[in-house]
Amino acid sequence: MQLIASILLLVVITIALGLWYFGAIIVIVAFIKTLKALFTTLPGKLYKKRIKEKIAFNPLHLFSRQKWIRIIILFSVLNVALYVYARDWLMHENAQHTKAKEYFSTGEVLSSHLGFLTFILHPDSLTLKPLFALQHGIYNLGIVHLPKEDAEDALWYHRWFIYPYAKQDALPKVNRYLWILFPKNDHSSLIVRFLMEDLSIKDIAPENYRVPQQRFLEKTFSVIEKLSTHPIRDPNMQREFMEGFPGLAFYYSLNQIYRYNGPAPAGRDNLRYEPWYTPHNEAQLRWYLSFERQMNAPQIQELYGKQLAKNQSLLYGAILNVTEDLILTNIDRMRFKCDSDYMQTYVRVRNLVAGEDGKENGIFYKLPKEEFNEMYYAYFEMIRPSFYKYISRDRCGYDVYGKAVLFTSRSEKMEIDSAIESEKSYLNKLNQQLQTGDK
């Protein structure tokens, strides 16, 4: 029964995609013909009529009948090939929950096309909404046949609905009428800086400003939670989980600041006052450390192959994101301790990815140059990392690595002094706690 439904869905998907691509061709051709008409039509008598005549075309006459038939056949064969490949991957000898896999095999065909299209278009594009709606429908048909105690449903949600955003480090658009004023990267928005800093307007974001992003991130956290607390019984899906989780953890831990309803510069600091935020980070830290233990198994490192350093860097980046939050949160709440688990974890992981100063033996050094530059700068050469180094090394007495190697025009002392000056509010609270002997 599920096999028949799967084949019928494949037909529906092929028709839906065919109509989408046909519509895209019409739009592209119409755009090109309009531009050509505007640049080649001279003003004068019957100007509008001549423009319309040059723009007008019959979409069915773009190709001959034989070519249309060939295109349809080739497109159908492509989708069948994608379906056979997905079914072969999913319906292996030790496959679990095969009824659900019948639907997921078909859904993989649509997911492959959406994977291509979301490299060109933002996943929130109105033109893609019908295709994502169909993908959600297939997902809902499939998860009915999965046991609730199995995390495979969360894995498929990540693969189909989170990864299209995560692969380009994107988020759903904020409420559309404000997205130009408050883009995702609004820390670089001159308008936001002008309103907040020059005019001292603090509450410039409306109450429902980030609702689409908040809902998406809440769902992403629930996916991480289920993947971290429930088993995946299908061996192929378990391998898929091991390959995809480091990127998911890094993506969420980096972007959870957008759960604050306002401009990003204030996001992380303001979230620290939310009662749910500390338990939220503590849970993430437990899950990521548990995954680290799995990742260190020889068979898993063999699975990663040449991608081992990248996956390690992503997971350790996520751990640093969370422990950095916990350090500042506990300082702010007057409960910081130098010997806390999160502090020890921060120092261990920082040293692991940085390597000993001057030896270039940290995990980050195994990344391609561009990725190394991005990760090293973010975790060692910005203001906050210098402040964490001051806390852990100068105030708590740990051996801490990670000196500036990309921008060396300023001495380490100057960097530390700048960090101290920038973080005075936290430093004052830190001093109060360490002076009382609470280390």
Foldseek 3Di string as FASTA:
>chain_A
DLLVVLVVLLVVLLVVVVVLVLVVVLVVLLVVQLVVLVVPQDDDPPRVVSSCVSSDDDSVVPDDPVVVVVVSVVSSVVLVVQLVVQCPLQVDPQHDLVSLSSLVSSLSSLQVVVLVVLVVPPCQDPSCVVSVVSSVVSLVVRCVSPDPLALLSLLVCCSRPVVSCLVVLHFPAWDPVCCVVAPPQCVPPPNVCCVCPVVVNDPPFDPRGLVRRLVVLVSLLVSLVSLQPGHHSGPSSVLSCLVPVLSSLLSSLVRVLSNDRDHSVCSLVVCLPPPVVLVSLVVSLVSLVVSVVVCPDPVNCVSCPLCSLVSLLSSLNSLLSSLLSVQLSCLVVLNDALPDPSNVSNQVSQCQQQPAPPPCPHSLSSDPPVSSVVSLCVQAPDLSNLCSCCCNPVVNNDDHDRHDDPDPPDDSVVSNVVSCVVPVVSVVSVCVNVVVVRD
